[in-house]
Amino acid sequence: MIEFIINKIIGILLILFGLFMILKFPQTESWQPKGFTMLGILVGIISLGIGVYLLFS
């Protein structure tokens, strides 16, 4: 039972992190090289997918 609750909490945290990385990650002109924006979005999508899987499994 406790593993179930921990999985849901981790899922929610990963969803929030993924949404932050997709929506609020700094744009290219801010301070980073060009490729970092796409990397941030990719990490966000992966985190979001894992979070949704953990939340609904």
N, C-alpha and C. Protein backbone atom coordinates (compact mmCIF):
# COMPACT_ATOMS: atom_id res chain seq x y z
N MET A 1 0.82 -1.20 0.00
CA MET A 1 0.00 0.00 0.00
C MET A 1 0.86 1.26 0.00
N ILE A 2 1.95 1.25 0.78
CA ILE A 2 2.79 2.43 0.85
C ILE A 2 3.52 2.68 -0.46
N GLU A 3 3.85 1.58 -1.21
CA GLU A 3 4.49 1.74 -2.51
C GLU A 3 3.54 2.41 -3.49
N PHE A 4 2.27 2.11 -3.38
CA PHE A 4 1.25 2.71 -4.23
C PHE A 4 1.22 4.22 -4.04
N ILE A 5 1.21 4.65 -2.81
CA ILE A 5 1.16 6.08 -2.50
C ILE A 5 2.45 6.77 -2.94
N ILE A 6 3.59 6.15 -2.72
CA ILE A 6 4.87 6.73 -3.12
C ILE A 6 4.93 6.86 -4.64
N ASN A 7 4.44 5.85 -5.38
CA ASN A 7 4.42 5.94 -6.84
C ASN A 7 3.55 7.10 -7.31
N LYS A 8 2.43 7.32 -6.67
CA LYS A 8 1.55 8.43 -7.06
C LYS A 8 2.21 9.79 -6.77
N ILE A 9 2.88 9.91 -5.65
CA ILE A 9 3.56 11.16 -5.31
C ILE A 9 4.70 11.43 -6.29
N ILE A 10 5.48 10.40 -6.58
CA ILE A 10 6.57 10.57 -7.55
C ILE A 10 6.00 10.90 -8.93
N GLY A 11 4.90 10.29 -9.31
CA GLY A 11 4.25 10.59 -10.58
C GLY A 11 3.82 12.04 -10.67
N ILE A 12 3.21 12.55 -9.61
CA ILE A 12 2.78 13.95 -9.59
C ILE A 12 3.97 14.89 -9.68
N LEU A 13 5.04 14.59 -8.95
CA LEU A 13 6.24 15.42 -9.01
C LEU A 13 6.87 15.41 -10.40
N LEU A 14 6.91 14.25 -11.04
CA LEU A 14 7.47 14.17 -12.38
C LEU A 14 6.60 14.92 -13.40
N ILE A 15 5.29 14.86 -13.23
CA ILE A 15 4.40 15.62 -14.11
C ILE A 15 4.65 17.12 -13.95
N LEU A 16 4.76 17.58 -12.73
CA LEU A 16 5.02 19.01 -12.50
C LEU A 16 6.38 19.43 -13.07
N PHE A 17 7.39 18.60 -12.87
CA PHE A 17 8.71 18.89 -13.42
C PHE A 17 8.68 18.91 -14.95
N GLY A 18 7.98 17.94 -15.54
CA GLY A 18 7.88 17.88 -16.99
C GLY A 18 7.16 19.08 -17.56
N LEU A 19 6.08 19.49 -16.92
CA LEU A 19 5.37 20.69 -17.39
C LEU A 19 6.23 21.94 -17.26
N PHE A 20 6.99 22.04 -16.18
CA PHE A 20 7.90 23.18 -16.03
C PHE A 20 8.93 23.20 -17.14
N MET A 21 9.52 22.04 -17.42
CA MET A 21 10.55 21.98 -18.46
C MET A 21 9.98 22.29 -19.84
N ILE A 22 8.76 21.88 -20.10
CA ILE A 22 8.16 22.13 -21.42
C ILE A 22 7.71 23.58 -21.55
N LEU A 23 7.08 24.12 -20.52
CA LEU A 23 6.45 25.43 -20.64
C LEU A 23 7.33 26.59 -20.18
N LYS A 24 8.15 26.41 -19.16
CA LYS A 24 8.87 27.53 -18.55
C LYS A 24 10.38 27.47 -18.71
N PHE A 25 10.90 26.49 -19.44
CA PHE A 25 12.35 26.40 -19.60
C PHE A 25 12.84 27.64 -20.35
N PRO A 26 13.97 28.24 -19.93
CA PRO A 26 14.44 29.47 -20.57
C PRO A 26 14.66 29.30 -22.07
N GLN A 27 14.33 30.31 -22.81
CA GLN A 27 14.47 30.28 -24.25
C GLN A 27 15.93 30.46 -24.65
N THR A 28 16.23 30.24 -25.91
CA THR A 28 17.60 30.25 -26.41
C THR A 28 18.29 31.60 -26.20
N GLU A 29 17.56 32.67 -26.38
CA GLU A 29 18.19 33.98 -26.28
C GLU A 29 18.56 34.39 -24.86
N SER A 30 18.10 33.64 -23.88
CA SER A 30 18.36 34.02 -22.49
C SER A 30 19.83 33.87 -22.11
N TRP A 31 20.31 32.65 -21.97
CA TRP A 31 21.68 32.47 -21.46
C TRP A 31 22.35 31.19 -21.92
N GLN A 32 21.69 30.40 -22.73
CA GLN A 32 22.18 29.06 -23.02
C GLN A 32 22.45 28.88 -24.51
N PRO A 33 23.24 27.88 -24.86
CA PRO A 33 23.44 27.55 -26.28
C PRO A 33 22.13 27.08 -26.92
N LYS A 34 22.10 27.09 -28.26
CA LYS A 34 20.87 26.78 -28.99
C LYS A 34 20.29 25.41 -28.68
N GLY A 35 21.11 24.39 -28.58
CA GLY A 35 20.61 23.03 -28.41
C GLY A 35 19.96 22.76 -27.07
N PHE A 36 20.19 23.60 -26.10
CA PHE A 36 19.66 23.34 -24.76
C PHE A 36 18.14 23.48 -24.69
N THR A 37 17.57 24.32 -25.52
CA THR A 37 16.11 24.48 -25.50
C THR A 37 15.45 23.17 -25.91
N MET A 38 15.92 22.56 -26.98
CA MET A 38 15.34 21.29 -27.42
C MET A 38 15.60 20.18 -26.40
N LEU A 39 16.77 20.20 -25.79
CA LEU A 39 17.08 19.21 -24.76
C LEU A 39 16.14 19.37 -23.56
N GLY A 40 15.88 20.60 -23.15
CA GLY A 40 14.97 20.85 -22.04
C GLY A 40 13.56 20.37 -22.34
N ILE A 41 13.11 20.61 -23.56
CA ILE A 41 11.77 20.16 -23.95
C ILE A 41 11.72 18.64 -24.00
N LEU A 42 12.77 18.01 -24.51
CA LEU A 42 12.82 16.55 -24.57
C LEU A 42 12.80 15.93 -23.17
N VAL A 43 13.60 16.48 -22.27
CA VAL A 43 13.60 15.99 -20.88
C VAL A 43 12.22 16.20 -20.25
N GLY A 44 11.58 17.31 -20.56
CA GLY A 44 10.24 17.57 -20.05
C GLY A 44 9.22 16.57 -20.55
N ILE A 45 9.29 16.23 -21.84
CA ILE A 45 8.34 15.26 -22.40
C ILE A 45 8.56 13.89 -21.79
N ILE A 46 9.81 13.49 -21.63
CA ILE A 46 10.11 12.19 -21.03
C ILE A 46 9.64 12.15 -19.58
N SER A 47 9.91 13.20 -18.82
CA SER A 47 9.48 13.25 -17.42
C SER A 47 7.95 13.23 -17.32
N LEU A 48 7.31 13.97 -18.20
CA LEU A 48 5.85 14.00 -18.21
C LEU A 48 5.27 12.62 -18.50
N GLY A 49 5.85 11.93 -19.47
CA GLY A 49 5.37 10.59 -19.81
C GLY A 49 5.55 9.61 -18.67
N ILE A 50 6.70 9.63 -18.04
CA ILE A 50 6.94 8.72 -16.90
C ILE A 50 6.02 9.06 -15.75
N GLY A 51 5.81 10.35 -15.51
CA GLY A 51 4.91 10.77 -14.43
C GLY A 51 3.48 10.33 -14.65
N VAL A 52 3.01 10.46 -15.88
CA VAL A 52 1.64 10.02 -16.20
C VAL A 52 1.52 8.51 -16.04
N TYR A 53 2.55 7.78 -16.48
CA TYR A 53 2.54 6.32 -16.33
C TYR A 53 2.47 5.93 -14.85
N LEU A 54 3.29 6.58 -14.01
CA LEU A 54 3.29 6.26 -12.59
C LEU A 54 1.97 6.66 -11.91
N LEU A 55 1.41 7.77 -12.35
CA LEU A 55 0.17 8.24 -11.72
C LEU A 55 -1.00 7.33 -12.04
N PHE A 56 -1.07 6.82 -13.26
CA PHE A 56 -2.22 6.03 -13.66
C PHE A 56 -1.99 4.52 -13.67
N SER A 57 -0.83 4.09 -13.17
CA SER A 57 -0.61 2.65 -13.13
C SER A 57 -0.94 2.08 -11.75
